[in-house]
Amino acid sequence: MPRYVYHPVSMKLVDADEYYAEKHATIARSHLPTPRILADNIEIRSMHDGEMYTSKGKLREAYRAAGVEEVGNEKLTRKATKDYTPEGVKTDVAQAIAAHS
C-alpha cells in the first residue's frame, strides 16, 4: 500500500518515496551555510615553555611531552553519590537539629 504525503508547493497528496527523494536531492545536508571547519592554526605563547606556537597540535604535543595537562581538557570524574533513604534523611535532619539547638 503506497504512502502519501502533503506537498506544500503543489498542495496535493504525492507518493511519499518520490517526495522525499526529490526533497533530499534539492537540499543541503545541513541548514548551515557552510561546513564547520576546525582550524589548527593559532598564534599563542605557551605558558609552559614560553615558546610561540602557530599550531594547536604542536602546542598539545609539547604539553604531552612535558607531562603537562591542558586546563579544560582534563577528564572529570563524578563524585560517588550516597544512597538516600527516607529513614536516613530523617536521622540526618534530627542530628543536625540536635547539633545546632
Foldseek 3Di string as FASTA:
>chain_A
DFDWDQDVPVRDTDGPVVVVVVVVVPDDPDPDPDDDDDDQADWDQDPPPRDTDGGVVVNVVVCVVVVHDDPPPDDDDDDDDDDDDPVNVVVVVVVVVVVVD
